[in-house]
Protein backbone atom coordinates (compact mmCIF):
# COMPACT_ATOMS: atom_id res chain seq x y z
CA MET A 1 0.00 0.00 0.00
CA ILE A 2 1.24 3.49 -0.87
CA GLY A 3 0.69 6.26 1.67
CA LEU A 4 -0.06 9.91 1.09
CA ASN A 5 1.06 12.73 3.36
CA LYS A 6 0.12 16.12 1.84
CA VAL A 7 -0.93 19.36 3.54
CA PHE A 8 -2.07 22.74 2.22
CA LEU A 9 -2.49 25.71 4.56
CA VAL A 10 -3.49 29.30 3.89
CA GLY A 11 -3.00 31.57 6.86
CA ASN A 12 -0.95 34.30 8.51
CA LEU A 13 2.43 34.13 10.22
CA THR A 14 2.19 34.29 14.01
CA ARG A 15 5.84 35.34 14.35
CA ASP A 16 8.82 36.31 12.21
CA PRO A 17 10.75 33.37 10.69
CA GLU A 18 13.71 32.11 12.74
CA LEU A 19 16.59 31.18 10.46
CA ARG A 20 19.41 28.86 11.54
CA TYR A 21 21.94 26.59 9.87
CA THR A 22 22.68 22.91 10.46
CA PRO A 23 26.29 21.90 11.23
CA ASN A 24 26.78 21.03 7.55
CA GLY A 25 25.54 24.46 6.39
CA LYS A 26 21.91 23.76 5.37
CA ALA A 27 19.51 26.64 6.04
CA VAL A 28 16.32 25.90 7.97
CA ALA A 29 13.66 28.40 9.02
CA GLY A 30 10.76 27.90 11.39
CA PHE A 31 7.64 29.96 11.97
CA GLY A 32 4.06 29.64 13.15
CA VAL A 33 0.97 29.93 10.95
CA ALA A 34 -2.55 30.71 12.16
CA VAL A 35 -5.43 29.39 10.04
CA SER A 36 -8.95 30.64 10.77
CA ARG A 37 -12.25 29.20 9.76
CA ARG A 38 -15.70 30.68 10.15
CA SER A 39 -18.86 28.81 10.95
CA THR A 40 -22.39 29.46 12.14
CA THR A 41 -23.80 27.95 15.32
CA LYS A 42 -27.26 26.35 15.52
CA GLU A 43 -28.46 29.63 17.02
CA GLY A 44 -27.27 31.52 13.94
CA ASP A 45 -24.29 33.22 15.61
CA ARG A 46 -21.14 33.56 13.55
CA LYS A 47 -18.07 32.01 15.13
CA GLU A 48 -14.40 32.02 14.18
CA ASP A 49 -11.99 29.27 15.23
CA VAL A 50 -8.23 29.51 14.81
CA ASP A 51 -5.76 26.64 14.55
CA PHE A 52 -2.01 27.14 14.98
CA PHE A 53 0.66 25.18 13.12
CA GLU A 54 4.46 25.05 13.21
CA VAL A 55 6.11 25.19 9.77
CA GLU A 56 9.68 24.23 8.86
CA VAL A 57 11.23 25.19 5.52
CA TRP A 58 14.68 24.27 4.19
CA ASP A 59 17.52 25.49 1.95
CA LYS A 60 17.17 28.56 -0.32
CA GLN A 61 13.44 28.75 0.40
CA ALA A 62 14.26 29.13 4.13
CA GLU A 63 16.56 32.07 3.39
CA THR A 64 13.93 33.67 1.14
CA CYS A 65 11.23 33.30 3.80
CA ASN A 66 13.55 34.84 6.38
CA GLU A 67 14.26 37.80 4.09
CA TYR A 68 10.71 38.61 2.94
CA LEU A 69 8.23 37.26 5.51
CA ALA A 70 7.20 38.83 8.80
CA LYS A 71 4.57 38.34 11.46
CA GLY A 72 1.06 38.90 10.06
CA ARG A 73 1.97 38.18 6.43
CA GLY A 74 -0.34 35.83 4.55
CA ILE A 75 1.09 32.67 2.96
CA LEU A 76 0.11 29.44 1.29
CA VAL A 77 2.09 26.43 2.49
CA GLU A 78 2.29 23.11 0.68
CA GLY A 79 4.08 20.32 2.47
CA ARG A 80 3.85 17.19 4.58
CA LEU A 81 3.21 16.38 8.23
CA LYS A 82 6.15 15.31 10.37
CA GLN A 83 5.94 14.04 13.92
CA ASP A 84 8.95 14.71 16.14
CA ARG A 85 9.27 12.33 19.12
CA TRP A 86 11.53 12.69 22.17
CA GLU A 87 11.77 11.98 25.87
CA ASP A 88 11.77 14.91 28.29
CA GLU A 89 14.01 15.28 31.39
CA ALA A 90 11.46 13.40 33.51
CA GLY A 91 11.50 10.47 31.09
CA LYS A 92 8.03 11.21 29.71
CA LYS A 93 7.53 10.53 26.00
CA ARG A 94 6.61 13.67 24.09
CA SER A 95 5.71 14.42 20.47
CA LYS A 96 4.96 17.43 18.30
CA LEU A 97 3.39 17.61 14.87
CA LYS A 98 4.70 20.15 12.35
CA ILE A 99 4.50 20.86 8.62
CA VAL A 100 7.66 20.48 6.55
CA ALA A 101 7.10 22.83 3.62
CA SER A 102 7.92 21.85 0.06
CA SER A 103 6.54 25.10 -1.37
CA ILE A 104 5.71 28.53 0.09
CA GLN A 105 3.75 31.17 -1.79
CA PHE A 106 3.54 34.71 -0.46
CA MET A 107 0.01 36.11 -0.48
CA PRO A 108 -0.59 39.66 -1.72
CA ARG A 109 -0.44 42.29 0.98
CA LYS A 110 -3.60 44.23 1.73
CA THR A 111 -3.31 47.88 0.83
CA GLU A 112 -5.39 50.78 2.06
CA SER A 113 -7.39 50.68 -1.20
CA ASP A 114 -8.19 46.96 -0.60
CA LEU A 115 -9.82 47.93 2.68
CA THR A 116 -12.01 50.65 1.13
CA VAL A 117 -15.21 49.58 -0.58
CA GLU A 118 -16.20 51.95 -3.35
CA GLU A 119 -19.63 52.22 -4.88
CA PRO A 120 -19.68 51.30 -8.56
CA PRO A 121 -20.29 54.25 -10.89
CA PRO A 122 -23.93 54.68 -11.96
CA GLU A 123 -24.77 53.07 -15.27
CA ASP A 124 -25.00 55.55 -18.10
CA GLU A 125 -27.86 54.44 -20.33
CA THR A 126 -26.49 56.48 -23.19
CA SER A 127 -23.09 54.80 -23.12
CA GLU A 128 -21.93 52.63 -25.99
CA GLY A 129 -22.06 49.36 -24.06
CA SER A 130 -25.58 49.77 -22.65
CA ASN A 131 -27.22 47.79 -25.49
CA LEU A 132 -25.26 44.64 -24.73
CA PRO A 133 -27.48 41.63 -23.91
CA PHE A 134 -25.73 40.95 -20.59
């Protein structure tokens, strides 16, 4: 049987990327991503839930993320789940799930004009396009 381990996230960084290098010189960056989803309760109230994920990105992509990303920036992450396992000082087994990114896409930044809703101009019945059937 062949397994599949694929994750897509669209969210916002919860902190600036932290870049470091392995002993053999490979770049690795880590950062958090918050993903929100909206739903409606049975009573009709709107509710927003937020999930938080740790993301790890490697090599040139790690350096690029470190250079251009910052807390609050929107991104799309494509990658796989990885479970780290260890034993703490008390001997208790611990684990943590994170996303190892294979691709990061920066989302467009919101500008002041994106936040302003403008009314469409009134239709001019005498304009050239007013006789179009749609």
